[in-house]
């Protein structure tokens, strides 16, 4: 596996007891960008949360990294995202 490079990484970490939140969180990946938040609570029953917007991500590069090159295109992804948005 080649790995993933994150660039232009910015964020602010908030720690309180067993909870850590990084908000806002932004970085570049696969030629596009991530903007959102991520959080986790550690302990006997760990949990996590995530809210994000991805923009202009090269979906072909993502599927190639996952070993599924050619299995999805950006138009497939756009169609799936539009369908999901209608359900929300």
C-alpha atoms as a PDB file:
ATOM      1  CA  UNK A   1       0.000   0.000   0.000  1.00  0.00           C
ATOM      2  CA  UNK A   2       1.427   3.353  -1.057  1.00  0.00           C
ATOM      3  CA  UNK A   3      -0.130   5.367   1.757  1.00  0.00           C
ATOM      4  CA  UNK A   4      -1.901   8.696   1.867  1.00  0.00           C
ATOM      5  CA  UNK A   5      -0.309  12.128   1.968  1.00  0.00           C
ATOM      6  CA  UNK A   6      -2.130  14.908   3.813  1.00  0.00           C
ATOM      7  CA  UNK A   7      -0.945  18.441   3.083  1.00  0.00           C
ATOM      8  CA  UNK A   8      -1.883  21.918   4.343  1.00  0.00           C
ATOM      9  CA  UNK A   9      -2.953  20.310   7.647  1.00  0.00           C
ATOM     10  CA  UNK A  10      -4.549  22.725  10.140  1.00  0.00           C
ATOM     11  CA  UNK A  11      -6.670  22.143  13.200  1.00  0.00           C
ATOM     12  CA  UNK A  12      -7.306  22.975  16.823  1.00  0.00           C
ATOM     13  CA  UNK A  13      -7.437  20.212  19.447  1.00  0.00           C
ATOM     14  CA  UNK A  14      -9.765  20.492  22.431  1.00  0.00           C
ATOM     15  CA  UNK A  15      -9.128  18.077  25.330  1.00  0.00           C
ATOM     16  CA  UNK A  16     -11.571  17.573  28.216  1.00  0.00           C
ATOM     17  CA  UNK A  17     -11.414  14.462  30.377  1.00  0.00           C
ATOM     18  CA  UNK A  18     -11.481  11.371  28.166  1.00  0.00           C
ATOM     19  CA  UNK A  19     -12.754  13.394  25.154  1.00  0.00           C
ATOM     20  CA  UNK A  20     -10.632  14.904  22.376  1.00  0.00           C
ATOM     21  CA  UNK A  21     -12.121  16.969  19.556  1.00  0.00           C
ATOM     22  CA  UNK A  22     -10.257  18.511  16.653  1.00  0.00           C
ATOM     23  CA  UNK A  23     -12.364  21.380  15.362  1.00  0.00           C
ATOM     24  CA  UNK A  24     -11.916  22.839  12.913  1.00  0.00           C
ATOM     25  CA  UNK A  25      -9.822  20.352  10.957  1.00  0.00           C
ATOM     26  CA  UNK A  26      -8.722  20.904   7.360  1.00  0.00           C
ATOM     27  CA  UNK A  27      -6.225  19.266   5.022  1.00  0.00           C
ATOM     28  CA  UNK A  28      -5.569  18.454   1.401  1.00  0.00           C
ATOM     29  CA  UNK A  29      -5.703  14.888   0.063  1.00  0.00           C
ATOM     30  CA  UNK A  30      -5.925  13.222  -3.348  1.00  0.00           C
ATOM     31  CA  UNK A  31      -5.803  16.616  -5.057  1.00  0.00           C
ATOM     32  CA  UNK A  32      -8.824  17.887  -3.124  1.00  0.00           C
ATOM     33  CA  UNK A  33      -9.648  18.965   0.394  1.00  0.00           C
ATOM     34  CA  UNK A  34     -11.218  17.855   3.684  1.00  0.00           C
ATOM     35  CA  UNK A  35     -12.921  20.349   5.974  1.00  0.00           C
ATOM     36  CA  UNK A  36     -14.698  19.347   9.152  1.00  0.00           C
ATOM     37  CA  UNK A  37     -14.287  17.940  12.642  1.00  0.00           C
ATOM     38  CA  UNK A  38     -13.237  14.692  14.257  1.00  0.00           C
ATOM     39  CA  UNK A  39     -13.571  13.577  17.861  1.00  0.00           C
ATOM     40  CA  UNK A  40     -13.062  10.603  20.127  1.00  0.00           C
ATOM     41  CA  UNK A  41     -13.901   9.549  23.660  1.00  0.00           C
ATOM     42  CA  UNK A  42     -11.517   7.046  25.205  1.00  0.00           C
ATOM     43  CA  UNK A  43     -12.418   4.648  27.988  1.00  0.00           C
ATOM     44  CA  UNK A  44     -14.146   1.332  28.549  1.00  0.00           C
ATOM     45  CA  UNK A  45     -16.490   1.985  25.612  1.00  0.00           C
ATOM     46  CA  UNK A  46     -14.611   4.166  23.128  1.00  0.00           C
ATOM     47  CA  UNK A  47     -16.590   6.208  20.623  1.00  0.00           C
ATOM     48  CA  UNK A  48     -15.810   8.570  17.788  1.00  0.00           C
ATOM     49  CA  UNK A  49     -17.531  11.240  15.754  1.00  0.00           C
ATOM     50  CA  UNK A  50     -16.803  12.716  12.363  1.00  0.00           C
ATOM     51  CA  UNK A  51     -18.356  15.433  10.242  1.00  0.00           C
ATOM     52  CA  UNK A  52     -16.744  16.455   6.998  1.00  0.00           C
ATOM     53  CA  UNK A  53     -16.985  17.959   3.584  1.00  0.00           C
ATOM     54  CA  UNK A  54     -14.774  16.560   0.836  1.00  0.00           C
ATOM     55  CA  UNK A  55     -14.224  18.677  -2.263  1.00  0.00           C
ATOM     56  CA  UNK A  56     -12.499  17.971  -5.589  1.00  0.00           C
ATOM     57  CA  UNK A  57     -11.068  14.608  -4.447  1.00  0.00           C
ATOM     58  CA  UNK A  58      -9.628  12.428  -7.236  1.00  0.00           C
ATOM     59  CA  UNK A  59     -11.877   9.381  -6.753  1.00  0.00           C
ATOM     60  CA  UNK A  60      -9.898   7.327  -9.283  1.00  0.00           C
ATOM     61  CA  UNK A  61      -6.762   7.832  -7.138  1.00  0.00           C
ATOM     62  CA  UNK A  62      -8.666   6.741  -4.010  1.00  0.00           C
ATOM     63  CA  UNK A  63      -9.894   3.520  -5.638  1.00  0.00           C
ATOM     64  CA  UNK A  64      -6.438   2.822  -7.076  1.00  0.00           C
ATOM     65  CA  UNK A  65      -4.959   3.091  -3.573  1.00  0.00           C
ATOM     66  CA  UNK A  66      -7.600   0.661  -2.310  1.00  0.00           C
ATOM     67  CA  UNK A  67      -6.627  -1.818  -5.038  1.00  0.00           C
ATOM     68  CA  UNK A  68      -9.862  -1.332  -6.943  1.00  0.00           C
ATOM     69  CA  UNK A  69      -8.645   0.821  -9.824  1.00  0.00           C
ATOM     70  CA  UNK A  70     -11.386   1.647 -12.298  1.00  0.00           C
ATOM     71  CA  UNK A  71     -14.184   0.434 -10.004  1.00  0.00           C
ATOM     72  CA  UNK A  72     -15.694   3.893  -9.505  1.00  0.00           C
ATOM     73  CA  UNK A  73     -15.485   7.206 -11.286  1.00  0.00           C
ATOM     74  CA  UNK A  74     -16.089  10.750 -10.160  1.00  0.00           C
ATOM     75  CA  UNK A  75     -19.405  10.721 -12.035  1.00  0.00           C
ATOM     76  CA  UNK A  76     -20.457   7.601 -10.077  1.00  0.00           C
ATOM     77  CA  UNK A  77     -19.485   9.363  -6.865  1.00  0.00           C
ATOM     78  CA  UNK A  78     -21.333  12.554  -7.840  1.00  0.00           C
ATOM     79  CA  UNK A  79     -24.467  10.534  -8.623  1.00  0.00           C
ATOM     80  CA  UNK A  80     -24.291   8.674  -5.320  1.00  0.00           C
ATOM     81  CA  UNK A  81     -23.716  11.927  -3.411  1.00  0.00           C
ATOM     82  CA  UNK A  82     -26.687  13.592  -5.132  1.00  0.00           C
ATOM     83  CA  UNK A  83     -28.888  10.614  -4.253  1.00  0.00           C
ATOM     84  CA  UNK A  84     -27.747  10.660  -0.617  1.00  0.00           C
ATOM     85  CA  UNK A  85     -28.384  14.416  -0.396  1.00  0.00           C
ATOM     86  CA  UNK A  86     -31.993  13.876  -1.531  1.00  0.00           C
ATOM     87  CA  UNK A  87     -32.483  11.304   1.234  1.00  0.00           C
ATOM     88  CA  UNK A  88     -31.246  13.704   3.886  1.00  0.00           C
END
